[in-house]
Amino acid sequence: MRRIENELAAAGARLVFVGTGTPAMAADFARQNAGPHPVLSDPERRSFAAAGLRRSWFGLLHWRLLRNGLRALRAGFRQGRVMGDPWQLGGVAVFGADGRVRHAEADRAAGDPLDLARVLAAVRGD
């Protein structure tokens, strides 16, 4: 998401990260990864459940994790210590000004890539 942060800002969107760790873990993530964007802590995973994001050991141990991990390594990402719920899969949700969901994606395996073009299209209202 950080790759498209300028386009998101130009379209009037705000980027917010939500993690399953403690507030201290969220602060650590914010310092290392989030730039100027807010990082929220949801250790009870209520927002994840509301968004329909899966919590699955199979998603973490899925064969695509190897492919996703290699892609991330090539892009320069290095996995640090796992913080929060290691079984919680991620995703993205784009909300309009009216509070309605314009676009949502849910990982089926850890590290699944987001369709950034679709995220931007949803933000722009395309």
N, C-alpha and C. Protein backbone atom coordinates (compact mmCIF):
# COMPACT_ATOMS: atom_id res chain seq x y z
N MET A 1 0.82 -1.19 0.00
CA MET A 1 0.00 0.00 0.00
C MET A 1 0.86 1.26 0.00
N ARG A 2 2.02 1.18 0.63
CA ARG A 2 2.89 2.35 0.65
C ARG A 2 3.32 2.74 -0.76
N ARG A 3 3.35 1.75 -1.71
CA ARG A 3 3.75 2.06 -3.09
C ARG A 3 2.77 3.01 -3.76
N ILE A 4 1.51 3.00 -3.33
CA ILE A 4 0.51 3.85 -3.98
C ILE A 4 0.03 4.97 -3.07
N GLU A 5 0.78 5.26 -2.00
CA GLU A 5 0.30 6.25 -1.03
C GLU A 5 0.12 7.63 -1.65
N ASN A 6 0.96 8.03 -2.59
CA ASN A 6 0.81 9.35 -3.21
C ASN A 6 -0.45 9.43 -4.06
N GLU A 7 -0.73 8.36 -4.80
CA GLU A 7 -1.95 8.33 -5.60
C GLU A 7 -3.19 8.32 -4.71
N LEU A 8 -3.12 7.60 -3.60
CA LEU A 8 -4.24 7.59 -2.65
C LEU A 8 -4.49 8.99 -2.10
N ALA A 9 -3.42 9.66 -1.70
CA ALA A 9 -3.55 11.02 -1.16
C ALA A 9 -4.11 11.97 -2.21
N ALA A 10 -3.64 11.85 -3.45
CA ALA A 10 -4.11 12.72 -4.53
C ALA A 10 -5.60 12.53 -4.78
N ALA A 11 -6.10 11.33 -4.51
CA ALA A 11 -7.53 11.04 -4.69
C ALA A 11 -8.34 11.38 -3.44
N GLY A 12 -7.68 11.88 -2.41
CA GLY A 12 -8.37 12.27 -1.19
C GLY A 12 -8.58 11.15 -0.19
N ALA A 13 -7.86 10.04 -0.35
CA ALA A 13 -8.01 8.90 0.55
C ALA A 13 -6.99 8.95 1.68
N ARG A 14 -7.33 8.28 2.77
CA ARG A 14 -6.40 8.12 3.89
C ARG A 14 -6.06 6.65 4.00
N LEU A 15 -4.80 6.38 4.23
CA LEU A 15 -4.32 5.02 4.43
C LEU A 15 -4.20 4.78 5.93
N VAL A 16 -4.84 3.73 6.41
CA VAL A 16 -4.80 3.37 7.83
C VAL A 16 -4.48 1.88 7.92
N PHE A 17 -3.51 1.53 8.75
CA PHE A 17 -3.15 0.14 8.97
C PHE A 17 -3.81 -0.35 10.25
N VAL A 18 -4.26 -1.60 10.25
CA VAL A 18 -4.85 -2.21 11.45
C VAL A 18 -4.12 -3.53 11.68
N GLY A 19 -3.64 -3.73 12.90
CA GLY A 19 -2.95 -4.97 13.25
C GLY A 19 -3.59 -5.65 14.43
N THR A 20 -3.20 -6.89 14.66
CA THR A 20 -3.78 -7.67 15.76
C THR A 20 -2.95 -7.61 17.03
N GLY A 21 -1.84 -6.91 17.00
CA GLY A 21 -0.97 -6.85 18.16
C GLY A 21 -1.43 -5.84 19.19
N THR A 22 -0.64 -5.69 20.22
CA THR A 22 -0.91 -4.74 21.29
C THR A 22 -0.66 -3.31 20.79
N PRO A 23 -1.10 -2.30 21.53
CA PRO A 23 -0.79 -0.93 21.14
C PRO A 23 0.72 -0.68 21.02
N ALA A 24 1.53 -1.30 21.88
CA ALA A 24 2.98 -1.13 21.78
C ALA A 24 3.51 -1.73 20.48
N MET A 25 2.96 -2.86 20.07
CA MET A 25 3.36 -3.47 18.80
C MET A 25 2.95 -2.59 17.63
N ALA A 26 1.76 -1.99 17.71
CA ALA A 26 1.30 -1.08 16.66
C ALA A 26 2.23 0.12 16.56
N ALA A 27 2.66 0.64 17.71
CA ALA A 27 3.58 1.78 17.70
C ALA A 27 4.91 1.40 17.07
N ASP A 28 5.39 0.20 17.34
CA ASP A 28 6.63 -0.29 16.75
C ASP A 28 6.48 -0.41 15.24
N PHE A 29 5.36 -0.99 14.78
CA PHE A 29 5.10 -1.11 13.34
C PHE A 29 5.04 0.28 12.71
N ALA A 30 4.38 1.19 13.38
CA ALA A 30 4.27 2.55 12.84
C ALA A 30 5.64 3.18 12.65
N ARG A 31 6.51 3.04 13.62
CA ARG A 31 7.86 3.61 13.51
C ARG A 31 8.65 3.00 12.35
N GLN A 32 8.50 1.71 12.15
CA GLN A 32 9.31 1.01 11.16
C GLN A 32 8.73 0.99 9.75
N ASN A 33 7.38 1.02 9.64
CA ASN A 33 6.78 0.73 8.34
C ASN A 33 5.71 1.69 7.84
N ALA A 34 5.03 2.38 8.71
CA ALA A 34 3.81 3.08 8.31
C ALA A 34 4.02 4.49 7.81
N GLY A 35 5.20 5.05 7.98
CA GLY A 35 5.39 6.43 7.56
C GLY A 35 4.44 7.33 8.32
N PRO A 36 3.76 8.25 7.63
CA PRO A 36 2.87 9.19 8.32
C PRO A 36 1.47 8.63 8.59
N HIS A 37 1.24 7.39 8.25
CA HIS A 37 -0.10 6.82 8.33
C HIS A 37 -0.40 6.23 9.70
N PRO A 38 -1.64 6.38 10.17
CA PRO A 38 -1.99 5.83 11.48
C PRO A 38 -1.98 4.30 11.48
N VAL A 39 -1.65 3.74 12.63
CA VAL A 39 -1.68 2.29 12.84
C VAL A 39 -2.56 2.04 14.05
N LEU A 40 -3.59 1.24 13.86
CA LEU A 40 -4.52 0.91 14.93
C LEU A 40 -4.26 -0.50 15.44
N SER A 41 -4.59 -0.72 16.69
CA SER A 41 -4.40 -2.01 17.33
C SER A 41 -5.76 -2.64 17.61
N ASP A 42 -5.94 -3.88 17.15
CA ASP A 42 -7.19 -4.61 17.37
C ASP A 42 -6.86 -6.05 17.80
N PRO A 43 -6.35 -6.22 19.04
CA PRO A 43 -5.96 -7.56 19.49
C PRO A 43 -7.12 -8.55 19.56
N GLU A 44 -8.35 -8.06 19.70
CA GLU A 44 -9.50 -8.97 19.73
C GLU A 44 -9.96 -9.34 18.32
N ARG A 45 -9.39 -8.72 17.29
CA ARG A 45 -9.63 -9.00 15.88
C ARG A 45 -11.08 -8.73 15.46
N ARG A 46 -11.74 -7.80 16.13
CA ARG A 46 -13.14 -7.50 15.80
C ARG A 46 -13.27 -6.90 14.40
N SER A 47 -12.36 -5.99 14.05
CA SER A 47 -12.44 -5.39 12.72
C SER A 47 -12.14 -6.42 11.64
N PHE A 48 -11.26 -7.36 11.93
CA PHE A 48 -10.93 -8.42 10.98
C PHE A 48 -12.16 -9.31 10.74
N ALA A 49 -12.84 -9.67 11.82
CA ALA A 49 -14.05 -10.50 11.70
C ALA A 49 -15.14 -9.74 10.94
N ALA A 50 -15.32 -8.45 11.25
CA ALA A 50 -16.34 -7.65 10.57
C ALA A 50 -16.05 -7.54 9.08
N ALA A 51 -14.78 -7.53 8.71
CA ALA A 51 -14.40 -7.42 7.30
C ALA A 51 -14.40 -8.79 6.61
N GLY A 52 -14.68 -9.85 7.35
CA GLY A 52 -14.71 -11.18 6.75
C GLY A 52 -13.33 -11.77 6.47
N LEU A 53 -12.31 -11.25 7.15
CA LEU A 53 -10.96 -11.75 6.95
C LEU A 53 -10.77 -13.04 7.75
N ARG A 54 -10.16 -14.00 7.10
CA ARG A 54 -10.01 -15.33 7.69
C ARG A 54 -8.86 -15.39 8.70
N ARG A 55 -9.07 -16.23 9.68
CA ARG A 55 -8.02 -16.60 10.62
C ARG A 55 -7.82 -18.09 10.42
N SER A 56 -6.66 -18.49 9.90
CA SER A 56 -6.51 -19.86 9.46
C SER A 56 -5.06 -20.30 9.51
N TRP A 57 -4.80 -21.43 10.14
CA TRP A 57 -3.45 -21.98 10.10
C TRP A 57 -3.14 -22.46 8.69
N PHE A 58 -4.16 -22.94 7.95
CA PHE A 58 -3.93 -23.40 6.58
C PHE A 58 -3.50 -22.23 5.69
N GLY A 59 -4.06 -21.05 5.92
CA GLY A 59 -3.66 -19.88 5.14
C GLY A 59 -2.21 -19.52 5.35
N LEU A 60 -1.71 -19.75 6.54
CA LEU A 60 -0.31 -19.47 6.82
C LEU A 60 0.59 -20.57 6.26
N LEU A 61 0.11 -21.79 6.25
CA LEU A 61 0.92 -22.91 5.78
C LEU A 61 0.61 -23.30 4.33
N HIS A 62 -0.14 -22.48 3.64
CA HIS A 62 -0.53 -22.75 2.25
C HIS A 62 0.71 -22.75 1.35
N TRP A 63 0.69 -23.55 0.29
CA TRP A 63 1.84 -23.64 -0.62
C TRP A 63 2.20 -22.29 -1.23
N ARG A 64 1.20 -21.38 -1.38
CA ARG A 64 1.48 -20.06 -1.98
C ARG A 64 2.36 -19.20 -1.09
N LEU A 65 2.45 -19.55 0.20
CA LEU A 65 3.31 -18.78 1.09
C LEU A 65 4.75 -18.76 0.57
N LEU A 66 5.22 -19.87 0.04
CA LEU A 66 6.57 -19.92 -0.51
C LEU A 66 6.72 -18.94 -1.67
N ARG A 67 5.80 -18.97 -2.61
CA ARG A 67 5.83 -18.04 -3.75
C ARG A 67 5.71 -16.60 -3.27
N ASN A 68 4.79 -16.35 -2.36
CA ASN A 68 4.59 -14.99 -1.84
C ASN A 68 5.82 -14.51 -1.09
N GLY A 69 6.45 -15.42 -0.33
CA GLY A 69 7.67 -15.06 0.40
C GLY A 69 8.82 -14.73 -0.53
N LEU A 70 8.98 -15.50 -1.60
CA LEU A 70 10.04 -15.21 -2.57
C LEU A 70 9.82 -13.87 -3.26
N ARG A 71 8.57 -13.59 -3.61
CA ARG A 71 8.24 -12.30 -4.24
C ARG A 71 8.59 -11.15 -3.29
N ALA A 72 8.26 -11.31 -2.02
CA ALA A 72 8.54 -10.26 -1.04
C ALA A 72 10.05 -10.08 -0.86
N LEU A 73 10.79 -11.19 -0.80
CA LEU A 73 12.26 -11.10 -0.67
C LEU A 73 12.87 -10.35 -1.85
N ARG A 74 12.40 -10.67 -3.05
CA ARG A 74 12.92 -9.98 -4.25
C ARG A 74 12.63 -8.49 -4.22
N ALA A 75 11.51 -8.12 -3.59
CA ALA A 75 11.14 -6.71 -3.48
C ALA A 75 11.84 -6.01 -2.33
N GLY A 76 12.66 -6.75 -1.58
CA GLY A 76 13.43 -6.14 -0.50
C GLY A 76 12.82 -6.25 0.88
N PHE A 77 11.69 -6.92 1.00
CA PHE A 77 11.05 -7.07 2.31
C PHE A 77 11.70 -8.19 3.08
N ARG A 78 11.97 -7.96 4.35
CA ARG A 78 12.51 -8.98 5.23
C ARG A 78 11.56 -9.15 6.41
N GLN A 79 11.07 -10.36 6.57
CA GLN A 79 10.14 -10.65 7.66
C GLN A 79 10.87 -10.55 9.00
N GLY A 80 10.32 -9.74 9.87
CA GLY A 80 10.86 -9.63 11.22
C GLY A 80 10.11 -10.56 12.16
N ARG A 81 10.24 -10.28 13.43
CA ARG A 81 9.54 -11.06 14.46
C ARG A 81 8.03 -10.90 14.27
N VAL A 82 7.32 -11.99 14.34
CA VAL A 82 5.86 -11.96 14.19
C VAL A 82 5.27 -11.30 15.42
N MET A 83 4.41 -10.33 15.19
CA MET A 83 3.72 -9.65 16.29
C MET A 83 2.22 -9.80 16.08
N GLY A 84 1.50 -9.99 17.15
CA GLY A 84 0.06 -10.17 17.02
C GLY A 84 -0.27 -11.62 16.72
N ASP A 85 -1.44 -11.83 16.16
CA ASP A 85 -1.96 -13.17 15.88
C ASP A 85 -1.34 -13.71 14.60
N PRO A 86 -0.49 -14.74 14.68
CA PRO A 86 0.18 -15.24 13.48
C PRO A 86 -0.76 -15.93 12.51
N TRP A 87 -1.97 -16.31 12.94
CA TRP A 87 -2.90 -17.04 12.07
C TRP A 87 -3.87 -16.12 11.35
N GLN A 88 -3.87 -14.83 11.70
CA GLN A 88 -4.81 -13.89 11.08
C GLN A 88 -4.32 -13.48 9.71
N LEU A 89 -5.14 -13.70 8.70
CA LEU A 89 -4.81 -13.28 7.35
C LEU A 89 -5.25 -11.84 7.14
N GLY A 90 -4.61 -11.18 6.22
CA GLY A 90 -4.87 -9.76 5.99
C GLY A 90 -5.80 -9.50 4.82
N GLY A 91 -5.84 -8.26 4.46
CA GLY A 91 -6.67 -7.82 3.34
C GLY A 91 -6.70 -6.32 3.28
N VAL A 92 -7.64 -5.80 2.50
CA VAL A 92 -7.81 -4.36 2.36
C VAL A 92 -9.29 -4.05 2.19
N ALA A 93 -9.70 -2.90 2.69
CA ALA A 93 -11.06 -2.41 2.48
C ALA A 93 -10.97 -0.94 2.12
N VAL A 94 -11.73 -0.55 1.11
CA VAL A 94 -11.82 0.85 0.69
C VAL A 94 -13.22 1.32 1.02
N PHE A 95 -13.31 2.35 1.86
CA PHE A 95 -14.59 2.91 2.25
C PHE A 95 -14.80 4.25 1.55
N GLY A 96 -16.01 4.48 1.09
CA GLY A 96 -16.35 5.78 0.53
C GLY A 96 -16.66 6.77 1.64
N ALA A 97 -16.85 8.03 1.27
CA ALA A 97 -17.17 9.07 2.25
C ALA A 97 -18.49 8.77 2.96
N ASP A 98 -19.36 7.99 2.31
CA ASP A 98 -20.65 7.63 2.91
C ASP A 98 -20.54 6.43 3.86
N GLY A 99 -19.32 5.88 4.02
CA GLY A 99 -19.12 4.76 4.91
C GLY A 99 -19.34 3.40 4.28
N ARG A 100 -19.75 3.38 3.02
CA ARG A 100 -19.97 2.10 2.33
C ARG A 100 -18.65 1.53 1.81
N VAL A 101 -18.59 0.21 1.78
CA VAL A 101 -17.40 -0.45 1.24
C VAL A 101 -17.45 -0.39 -0.28
N ARG A 102 -16.42 0.20 -0.86
CA ARG A 102 -16.32 0.29 -2.33
C ARG A 102 -15.53 -0.86 -2.92
N HIS A 103 -14.61 -1.40 -2.13
CA HIS A 103 -13.78 -2.51 -2.60
C HIS A 103 -13.24 -3.23 -1.38
N ALA A 104 -13.15 -4.55 -1.48
CA ALA A 104 -12.57 -5.34 -0.40
C ALA A 104 -11.83 -6.53 -1.00
N GLU A 105 -10.72 -6.87 -0.39
CA GLU A 105 -9.96 -8.06 -0.76
C GLU A 105 -9.54 -8.75 0.53
N ALA A 106 -9.57 -10.07 0.49
CA ALA A 106 -9.16 -10.86 1.65
C ALA A 106 -8.12 -11.88 1.20
N ASP A 107 -7.00 -11.93 1.92
CA ASP A 107 -5.99 -12.93 1.63
C ASP A 107 -6.57 -14.33 1.81
N ARG A 108 -6.19 -15.22 0.90
CA ARG A 108 -6.53 -16.64 1.07
C ARG A 108 -5.33 -17.39 1.60
N ALA A 109 -4.15 -16.83 1.38
CA ALA A 109 -2.90 -17.38 1.91
C ALA A 109 -2.06 -16.20 2.38
N ALA A 110 -1.21 -16.43 3.35
CA ALA A 110 -0.37 -15.35 3.89
C ALA A 110 0.44 -14.71 2.78
N GLY A 111 0.42 -13.40 2.75
CA GLY A 111 1.24 -12.66 1.79
C GLY A 111 0.65 -12.54 0.41
N ASP A 112 -0.62 -12.92 0.22
CA ASP A 112 -1.21 -12.76 -1.11
C ASP A 112 -1.11 -11.30 -1.53
N PRO A 113 -0.77 -11.05 -2.80
CA PRO A 113 -0.64 -9.66 -3.24
C PRO A 113 -2.01 -8.99 -3.38
N LEU A 114 -2.04 -7.71 -3.08
CA LEU A 114 -3.26 -6.93 -3.27
C LEU A 114 -3.31 -6.45 -4.72
N ASP A 115 -4.51 -6.28 -5.23
CA ASP A 115 -4.69 -5.72 -6.57
C ASP A 115 -4.73 -4.19 -6.40
N LEU A 116 -3.55 -3.59 -6.45
CA LEU A 116 -3.44 -2.15 -6.19
C LEU A 116 -4.18 -1.31 -7.22
N ALA A 117 -4.27 -1.79 -8.45
CA ALA A 117 -5.02 -1.07 -9.49
C ALA A 117 -6.50 -1.01 -9.12
N ARG A 118 -7.04 -2.10 -8.60
CA ARG A 118 -8.45 -2.11 -8.20
C ARG A 118 -8.67 -1.24 -6.96
N VAL A 119 -7.69 -1.23 -6.05
CA VAL A 119 -7.78 -0.36 -4.88
C VAL A 119 -7.86 1.10 -5.33
N LEU A 120 -6.96 1.49 -6.22
CA LEU A 120 -6.97 2.87 -6.72
C LEU A 120 -8.25 3.20 -7.48
N ALA A 121 -8.73 2.27 -8.28
CA ALA A 121 -9.98 2.51 -9.01
C ALA A 121 -11.14 2.73 -8.05
N ALA A 122 -11.18 1.96 -6.96
CA ALA A 122 -12.24 2.12 -5.97
C ALA A 122 -12.13 3.47 -5.27
N VAL A 123 -10.90 3.88 -4.96
CA VAL A 123 -10.69 5.17 -4.29
C VAL A 123 -11.12 6.31 -5.21
N ARG A 124 -10.81 6.17 -6.48
CA ARG A 124 -11.15 7.22 -7.45
C ARG A 124 -12.60 7.18 -7.88
N GLY A 125 -13.30 6.12 -7.52
CA GLY A 125 -14.71 5.99 -7.90
C GLY A 125 -14.91 5.52 -9.32
N ASP A 126 -13.89 4.89 -9.90
CA ASP A 126 -13.98 4.39 -11.29
C ASP A 126 -14.92 3.20 -11.38
